[in-house]
């Protein structure tokens, strides 16, 4: 009370205007959530804007002239409102989602998470009698339907679409998650069979296109959304699958290539994947959380990344000089410490 009495007229006016703007922000937030079907998502991301608001208020009041401070604070409030609005989350109740590639990895984990939250999930698997499909079927839930579908077989995809349309009974598909993807081999271009590149494109690229085009009418019916996942992490993390791929890769190499690269080169490649595998497996949950945000955000972003390191790498690539970005990116992605046998012999002879 004493502090208020000591203030001059301009100081009281400033506090009053700041208070009015803050109340207007609160009223706008409350009105938005009352009118929409979204709910306020209270987490670390939504607390950051409130911290920015406090910092903006402090800077405006302490260091800026009256009207300049009010303009700056109003801009801060607009940004905070936009941030809170963008973090509004829809309810999963009654929403129907189709996920491809649910045999293992991200798709399998996502199907279980969405089912636990109340979604109706159509889980597409490549092998209906596989371990992943059996685990999903063991839920015995009418909200979790497991269907065999090969994304590279258009006839099968169209049959599944007709089957799902019958089950939906004039309802639409809220979301399609294009998760099915493979990484047949990891290694140098020369040692990877050309068929492996073709298979990767058939599943990861053309498969996603055909599935999307086939299910678009059902997605439009519900004014739904499409989520495309791009990451090799789920497959790289499967050490058992890599062991099989490594065996096939080495066995199919010509004697000349095997001699030029050397068995120690392939042993190092194998050990690198085995070492990295458990690290990738530990990061499944953040990926699932990000997909869930993309599914339920009232105003979804065009693109999501799971780790901040991805954004850092993009900044390095686009804004640093090429000679600097090449050094950093090569250190991260070029894992080989050992050169191929032929290169070592050539260097030794020079």
Protein backbone atom coordinates (compact mmCIF):
# COMPACT_ATOMS: atom_id res chain seq x y z
CA UNK A 1 0.00 0.00 0.00
CA UNK A 2 2.84 2.33 0.88
CA UNK A 3 4.59 1.53 -2.41
CA UNK A 4 1.41 2.38 -4.32
CA UNK A 5 1.11 5.74 -2.54
CA UNK A 6 4.73 6.58 -3.34
CA UNK A 7 4.20 6.02 -7.08
CA UNK A 8 3.50 8.96 -9.35
CA UNK A 9 0.56 9.08 -11.75
CA UNK A 10 2.54 7.65 -14.68
CA UNK A 11 3.73 4.71 -12.58
CA UNK A 12 0.18 3.88 -11.46
CA UNK A 13 -1.06 4.19 -15.02
CA UNK A 14 1.67 1.84 -16.25
CA UNK A 15 0.85 -0.81 -13.65
CA UNK A 16 -2.83 -0.50 -14.45
CA UNK A 17 -2.23 -0.96 -18.17
CA UNK A 18 0.10 -3.92 -17.59
CA UNK A 19 -2.55 -5.48 -15.38
CA UNK A 20 -5.24 -4.90 -18.01
CA UNK A 21 -3.13 -6.54 -20.74
CA UNK A 22 -2.39 -9.52 -18.47
CA UNK A 23 -6.10 -9.95 -17.65
CA UNK A 24 -6.91 -9.72 -21.37
CA UNK A 25 -4.38 -12.49 -22.06
CA UNK A 26 -5.91 -14.70 -19.37
CA UNK A 27 -9.43 -14.05 -20.68
CA UNK A 28 -8.35 -14.89 -24.24
CA UNK A 29 -6.81 -18.19 -23.09
CA UNK A 30 -9.87 -19.17 -21.06
CA UNK A 31 -12.25 -18.23 -23.89
CA UNK A 32 -10.25 -20.24 -26.40
CA UNK A 33 -10.33 -23.43 -24.34
CA UNK A 34 -14.02 -23.00 -23.48
CA UNK A 35 -14.97 -22.71 -27.15
CA UNK A 36 -12.69 -25.45 -28.47
CA UNK A 37 -12.61 -29.17 -27.76
CA UNK A 38 -8.98 -28.97 -26.75
CA UNK A 39 -7.58 -29.12 -23.25
CA UNK A 40 -4.70 -27.22 -21.73
CA UNK A 41 -1.56 -29.32 -21.82
CA UNK A 42 0.41 -28.44 -18.68
CA UNK A 43 4.03 -29.49 -19.09
CA UNK A 44 7.52 -28.03 -19.30
CA UNK A 45 6.87 -26.64 -22.79
CA UNK A 46 3.78 -24.72 -21.65
CA UNK A 47 5.57 -23.36 -18.57
CA UNK A 48 8.32 -21.76 -20.66
CA UNK A 49 6.01 -19.11 -22.20
CA UNK A 50 4.91 -18.05 -18.72
CA UNK A 51 8.57 -17.57 -17.83
CA UNK A 52 9.04 -15.51 -20.99
CA UNK A 53 6.04 -13.41 -19.96
CA UNK A 54 7.56 -12.69 -16.56
CA UNK A 55 10.89 -11.75 -18.17
CA UNK A 56 9.09 -9.53 -20.68
CA UNK A 57 7.17 -7.80 -17.91
CA UNK A 58 10.36 -7.18 -15.92
CA UNK A 59 12.23 -5.79 -18.92
CA UNK A 60 9.33 -3.60 -20.01
CA UNK A 61 8.73 -2.13 -16.59
CA UNK A 62 12.37 -1.63 -15.62
CA UNK A 63 14.24 -0.61 -18.76
CA UNK A 64 11.80 0.69 -21.38
CA UNK A 65 9.80 3.94 -21.60
CA UNK A 66 6.11 3.64 -20.74
CA UNK A 67 4.60 3.24 -24.20
CA UNK A 68 7.53 1.30 -25.65
CA UNK A 69 7.32 -1.06 -22.67
CA UNK A 70 3.58 -1.55 -23.18
CA UNK A 71 4.08 -2.37 -26.86
CA UNK A 72 6.86 -4.83 -26.04
CA UNK A 73 4.81 -6.47 -23.28
CA UNK A 74 1.77 -6.73 -25.57
CA UNK A 75 3.90 -8.49 -28.17
CA UNK A 76 5.16 -10.88 -25.48
CA UNK A 77 1.55 -11.63 -24.49
CA UNK A 78 0.62 -12.34 -28.12
CA UNK A 79 3.53 -14.76 -28.44
CA UNK A 80 2.61 -16.45 -25.17
CA UNK A 81 -1.02 -16.80 -26.29
CA UNK A 82 0.08 -18.32 -29.58
CA UNK A 83 2.42 -20.72 -27.78
CA UNK A 84 -0.26 -21.84 -25.30
CA UNK A 85 -2.77 -22.19 -28.13
CA UNK A 86 -0.34 -24.32 -30.15
CA UNK A 87 0.12 -26.64 -27.15
CA UNK A 88 -3.60 -27.27 -26.78
CA UNK A 89 -4.32 -30.98 -26.97
CA UNK A 90 -7.41 -32.76 -28.25
CA UNK A 91 -9.06 -35.67 -26.48
CA UNK A 92 -8.24 -39.14 -27.86
CA UNK A 93 -11.75 -40.38 -27.17
CA UNK A 94 -13.43 -41.80 -30.25
CA UNK A 95 -10.49 -41.15 -32.56
CA UNK A 96 -9.55 -43.86 -35.05
CA UNK A 97 -5.92 -44.25 -36.13
CA UNK A 98 -4.26 -46.55 -38.64
CA UNK A 99 -0.58 -47.36 -38.10
CA UNK A 100 1.62 -49.24 -40.55
CA UNK A 101 4.63 -51.31 -39.50
CA UNK A 102 3.38 -52.51 -36.11
CA UNK A 103 5.39 -55.75 -36.06
CA UNK A 104 8.09 -54.12 -33.93
CA UNK A 105 9.80 -50.86 -33.11
CA UNK A 106 7.99 -47.53 -33.09
CA UNK A 107 4.79 -48.85 -34.67
CA UNK A 108 4.40 -51.63 -32.13
CA UNK A 109 5.04 -49.32 -29.18
CA UNK A 110 2.76 -46.63 -30.61
CA UNK A 111 -0.13 -49.06 -31.12
CA UNK A 112 0.03 -50.12 -27.48
CA UNK A 113 0.32 -46.54 -26.21
CA UNK A 114 -2.60 -45.24 -28.29
CA UNK A 115 -4.77 -48.17 -27.24
CA UNK A 116 -4.04 -47.45 -23.58
CA UNK A 117 -5.14 -43.82 -24.08
CA UNK A 118 -8.50 -44.73 -25.59
CA UNK A 119 -7.84 -44.57 -29.33
CA UNK A 120 -9.32 -47.12 -31.71
CA UNK A 121 -6.22 -48.52 -33.40
CA UNK A 122 -5.89 -50.41 -36.67
CA UNK A 123 -2.42 -51.96 -36.42
CA UNK A 124 -0.99 -53.08 -39.75
CA UNK A 125 1.58 -55.89 -39.59
CA UNK A 126 3.58 -57.66 -42.28
CA UNK A 127 3.52 -61.02 -40.49
CA UNK A 128 0.19 -61.82 -38.86
CA UNK A 129 1.68 -64.83 -37.06
CA UNK A 130 4.79 -62.94 -35.92
CA UNK A 131 5.65 -62.23 -32.30
CA UNK A 132 4.67 -58.56 -32.54
CA UNK A 133 1.25 -59.34 -33.97
CA UNK A 134 0.63 -61.99 -31.32
CA UNK A 135 1.42 -59.52 -28.54
CA UNK A 136 -1.08 -56.99 -29.95
CA UNK A 137 -3.74 -59.65 -30.43
CA UNK A 138 -3.30 -60.76 -26.82
CA UNK A 139 -5.02 -57.53 -25.70
CA UNK A 140 -8.33 -59.01 -26.95
CA UNK A 141 -9.74 -55.50 -27.34
CA UNK A 142 -12.34 -54.25 -29.80
CA UNK A 143 -10.31 -51.03 -29.98
CA UNK A 144 -7.16 -52.75 -31.24
CA UNK A 145 -7.51 -54.50 -34.59
CA UNK A 146 -4.51 -56.29 -36.07
CA UNK A 147 -4.52 -56.65 -39.87
CA UNK A 148 -1.89 -58.10 -42.17
CA UNK A 149 -0.88 -55.66 -44.89
CA UNK A 150 2.14 -55.39 -47.17
CA UNK A 151 2.52 -51.70 -48.06
CA UNK A 152 4.30 -52.63 -51.29
CA UNK A 153 1.32 -54.66 -52.54
CA UNK A 154 -1.30 -52.20 -53.83
CA UNK A 155 -4.00 -54.87 -54.22
CA UNK A 156 -3.59 -55.86 -50.55
CA UNK A 157 -3.67 -52.23 -49.44
CA UNK A 158 -6.92 -51.64 -51.35
CA UNK A 159 -8.52 -54.77 -49.86
CA UNK A 160 -7.59 -53.59 -46.35
CA UNK A 161 -9.06 -50.16 -47.09
CA UNK A 162 -12.38 -51.70 -48.08
CA UNK A 163 -12.40 -53.89 -44.96
CA UNK A 164 -11.69 -50.91 -42.68
CA UNK A 165 -14.32 -48.77 -44.42
CA UNK A 166 -16.94 -51.41 -43.64
CA UNK A 167 -15.88 -51.48 -39.99
CA UNK A 168 -15.98 -47.69 -39.72
CA UNK A 169 -19.64 -47.56 -40.78
CA UNK A 170 -19.53 -44.13 -42.46
CA UNK A 171 -17.06 -42.76 -39.93
CA UNK A 172 -13.77 -41.31 -41.04
CA UNK A 173 -10.17 -42.10 -40.21
CA UNK A 174 -8.76 -39.53 -37.80
CA UNK A 175 -5.12 -40.23 -38.60
CA UNK A 176 -2.81 -42.34 -40.73
CA UNK A 177 0.67 -42.97 -39.35
CA UNK A 178 3.05 -44.03 -42.12
CA UNK A 179 5.54 -45.83 -39.92
CA UNK A 180 6.44 -48.88 -42.02
CA UNK A 181 10.07 -48.61 -43.01
CA UNK A 182 13.16 -50.73 -43.42
CA UNK A 183 16.90 -50.27 -43.63
CA UNK A 184 18.00 -53.50 -45.36
CA UNK A 185 21.72 -52.98 -44.94
CA UNK A 186 24.12 -50.56 -43.31
CA UNK A 187 27.43 -50.01 -45.01
CA UNK A 188 29.24 -48.56 -47.99
CA UNK A 189 27.38 -48.20 -51.28
CA UNK A 190 29.66 -50.64 -53.08
CA UNK A 191 28.97 -53.53 -50.74
CA UNK A 192 25.20 -53.08 -50.50
CA UNK A 193 23.23 -54.96 -53.20
CA UNK A 194 21.24 -52.79 -55.60
CA UNK A 195 18.12 -54.77 -54.72
CA UNK A 196 18.47 -53.50 -51.15
CA UNK A 197 18.19 -49.89 -52.36
CA UNK A 198 15.15 -50.79 -54.46
CA UNK A 199 13.50 -52.58 -51.55
CA UNK A 200 14.10 -49.60 -49.30
CA UNK A 201 12.44 -47.24 -51.78
CA UNK A 202 9.51 -49.62 -52.34
CA UNK A 203 8.70 -49.74 -48.62
CA UNK A 204 9.80 -46.36 -47.25
CA UNK A 205 8.81 -44.13 -50.16
CA UNK A 206 6.43 -45.71 -52.67
CA UNK A 207 4.70 -47.75 -49.96
CA UNK A 208 3.89 -44.63 -47.95
CA UNK A 209 2.57 -42.90 -51.09
CA UNK A 210 0.27 -45.77 -52.08
CA UNK A 211 -1.10 -46.19 -48.56
CA UNK A 212 -1.72 -42.45 -48.25
CA UNK A 213 -3.49 -42.19 -51.62
CA UNK A 214 -5.64 -45.23 -50.84
CA UNK A 215 -6.82 -44.03 -47.42
CA UNK A 216 -7.17 -40.31 -48.24
CA UNK A 217 -10.96 -40.50 -48.80
CA UNK A 218 -11.45 -41.92 -45.29
CA UNK A 219 -9.08 -39.30 -43.83
CA UNK A 220 -10.93 -36.47 -45.58
CA UNK A 221 -14.21 -37.78 -44.23
CA UNK A 222 -12.97 -37.15 -40.67
CA UNK A 223 -10.91 -34.05 -41.59
CA UNK A 224 -8.00 -36.05 -40.23
CA UNK A 225 -4.25 -35.86 -40.50
CA UNK A 226 -1.33 -37.81 -41.95
CA UNK A 227 1.89 -38.43 -40.04
CA UNK A 228 4.98 -39.61 -41.90
CA UNK A 229 7.83 -40.99 -39.81
CA UNK A 230 11.35 -40.78 -41.16
CA UNK A 231 13.95 -42.52 -39.04
CA UNK A 232 16.12 -45.63 -39.30
CA UNK A 233 16.50 -45.82 -35.52
CA UNK A 234 13.86 -48.47 -34.89
CA UNK A 235 15.51 -50.95 -37.22
CA UNK A 236 19.09 -50.06 -36.30
CA UNK A 237 18.21 -50.70 -32.68
CA UNK A 238 17.17 -54.28 -33.47
CA UNK A 239 20.51 -56.03 -32.99
CA UNK A 240 19.06 -59.45 -33.85
CA UNK A 241 17.87 -58.20 -37.24
CA UNK A 242 21.24 -56.60 -37.90
CA UNK A 243 23.05 -59.86 -37.09
CA UNK A 244 20.98 -61.56 -39.80
CA UNK A 245 21.57 -58.74 -42.28
CA UNK A 246 25.28 -58.74 -41.60
CA UNK A 247 25.51 -62.48 -42.29
CA UNK A 248 23.64 -62.14 -45.57
CA UNK A 249 25.73 -59.14 -46.58
CA UNK A 250 29.07 -60.86 -46.07
CA UNK A 251 27.96 -64.18 -47.58
CA UNK A 252 26.73 -62.49 -50.79
CA UNK A 253 29.89 -60.46 -51.38
CA UNK A 254 32.19 -61.44 -54.21
CA UNK A 255 35.63 -62.76 -53.16
CA UNK A 256 37.22 -59.68 -54.76
CA UNK A 257 35.15 -57.21 -52.69
CA UNK A 258 35.70 -59.23 -49.52
CA UNK A 259 39.45 -59.13 -50.16
CA UNK A 260 39.49 -55.39 -50.98
CA UNK A 261 37.59 -54.39 -47.84
CA UNK A 262 38.96 -57.03 -45.49
CA UNK A 263 37.20 -59.02 -42.81
CA UNK A 264 38.40 -56.64 -40.09
CA UNK A 265 36.54 -53.79 -41.84
CA UNK A 266 33.24 -55.70 -41.69
CA UNK A 267 33.92 -56.78 -38.11
CA UNK A 268 34.26 -53.11 -37.12
CA UNK A 269 31.01 -52.24 -38.93
CA UNK A 270 29.21 -55.07 -37.14
CA UNK A 271 30.57 -54.03 -33.74
CA UNK A 272 29.51 -50.41 -34.30
CA UNK A 273 25.88 -51.38 -34.95
CA UNK A 274 25.82 -53.78 -32.00
CA UNK A 275 27.17 -51.02 -29.75
CA UNK A 276 24.70 -48.42 -30.99
CA UNK A 277 21.69 -50.76 -30.91
CA UNK A 278 20.92 -50.58 -27.18
CA UNK A 279 21.32 -46.78 -27.28
CA UNK A 280 18.63 -46.49 -29.94
CA UNK A 281 16.30 -48.76 -28.01
CA UNK A 282 16.48 -46.50 -24.98
CA UNK A 283 15.05 -43.63 -27.01
CA UNK A 284 11.78 -45.20 -28.15
CA UNK A 285 9.59 -43.40 -25.61
CA UNK A 286 10.55 -39.84 -26.65
CA UNK A 287 9.70 -40.77 -30.24
CA UNK A 288 6.30 -42.11 -29.18
CA UNK A 289 5.64 -38.95 -27.14
CA UNK A 290 6.43 -36.80 -30.18
CA UNK A 291 4.10 -38.82 -32.42
CA UNK A 292 1.38 -38.53 -29.80
CA UNK A 293 1.81 -34.75 -29.75
CA UNK A 294 1.52 -34.65 -33.54
CA UNK A 295 -1.67 -36.72 -33.30
CA UNK A 296 -3.43 -34.71 -30.60
CA UNK A 297 -2.15 -31.15 -31.04
CA UNK A 298 -5.06 -28.92 -31.97
CA UNK A 299 -2.75 -26.93 -34.24
CA UNK A 300 -0.04 -29.42 -35.29
CA UNK A 301 3.29 -28.27 -36.68
CA UNK A 302 4.36 -29.29 -40.18
CA UNK A 303 7.39 -31.10 -38.75
CA UNK A 304 8.48 -32.50 -35.39
CA UNK A 305 11.89 -33.65 -34.21
CA UNK A 306 12.44 -35.83 -31.19
CA UNK A 307 15.86 -34.61 -30.14
CA UNK A 308 17.18 -31.05 -30.10
CA UNK A 309 20.42 -32.39 -31.61
CA UNK A 310 18.56 -32.78 -34.93
CA UNK A 311 17.80 -29.05 -34.98
CA UNK A 312 21.42 -28.32 -34.11
CA UNK A 313 22.63 -30.49 -37.00
CA UNK A 314 20.31 -28.66 -39.41
CA UNK A 315 21.71 -25.33 -38.25
CA UNK A 316 25.25 -26.65 -38.74
CA UNK A 317 24.43 -27.85 -42.24
CA UNK A 318 22.62 -24.76 -43.50
CA UNK A 319 24.44 -21.88 -41.81
CA UNK A 320 28.05 -22.92 -41.24
CA UNK A 321 30.61 -22.82 -44.04
CA UNK A 322 30.83 -26.20 -45.76
CA UNK A 323 34.39 -26.88 -44.62
CA UNK A 324 33.27 -26.52 -40.98
CA UNK A 325 29.98 -28.43 -41.25
CA UNK A 326 31.71 -31.26 -43.13
CA UNK A 327 34.19 -31.77 -40.29
CA UNK A 328 31.43 -31.92 -37.66
CA UNK A 329 28.99 -34.08 -39.63
CA UNK A 330 31.68 -36.49 -40.80
CA UNK A 331 32.78 -36.98 -37.22
CA UNK A 332 29.21 -37.88 -36.25
CA UNK A 333 28.04 -39.96 -39.20
CA UNK A 334 31.20 -41.50 -40.66
CA UNK A 335 31.72 -44.13 -38.01
CA UNK A 336 34.61 -46.00 -39.63
CA UNK A 337 37.95 -45.62 -37.89
CA UNK A 338 39.43 -48.40 -40.01
CA UNK A 339 39.98 -47.93 -43.75
CA UNK A 340 39.26 -50.76 -46.22
CA UNK A 341 42.12 -53.21 -46.65
CA UNK A 342 42.72 -52.19 -50.27
CA UNK A 343 43.07 -48.52 -49.35
CA UNK A 344 45.50 -49.33 -46.55
CA UNK A 345 47.64 -51.43 -48.87
CA UNK A 346 47.62 -48.74 -51.54
CA UNK A 347 48.68 -46.09 -49.04
CA UNK A 348 51.45 -48.32 -47.73
CA UNK A 349 52.85 -48.89 -51.23
CA UNK A 350 53.07 -45.19 -52.02
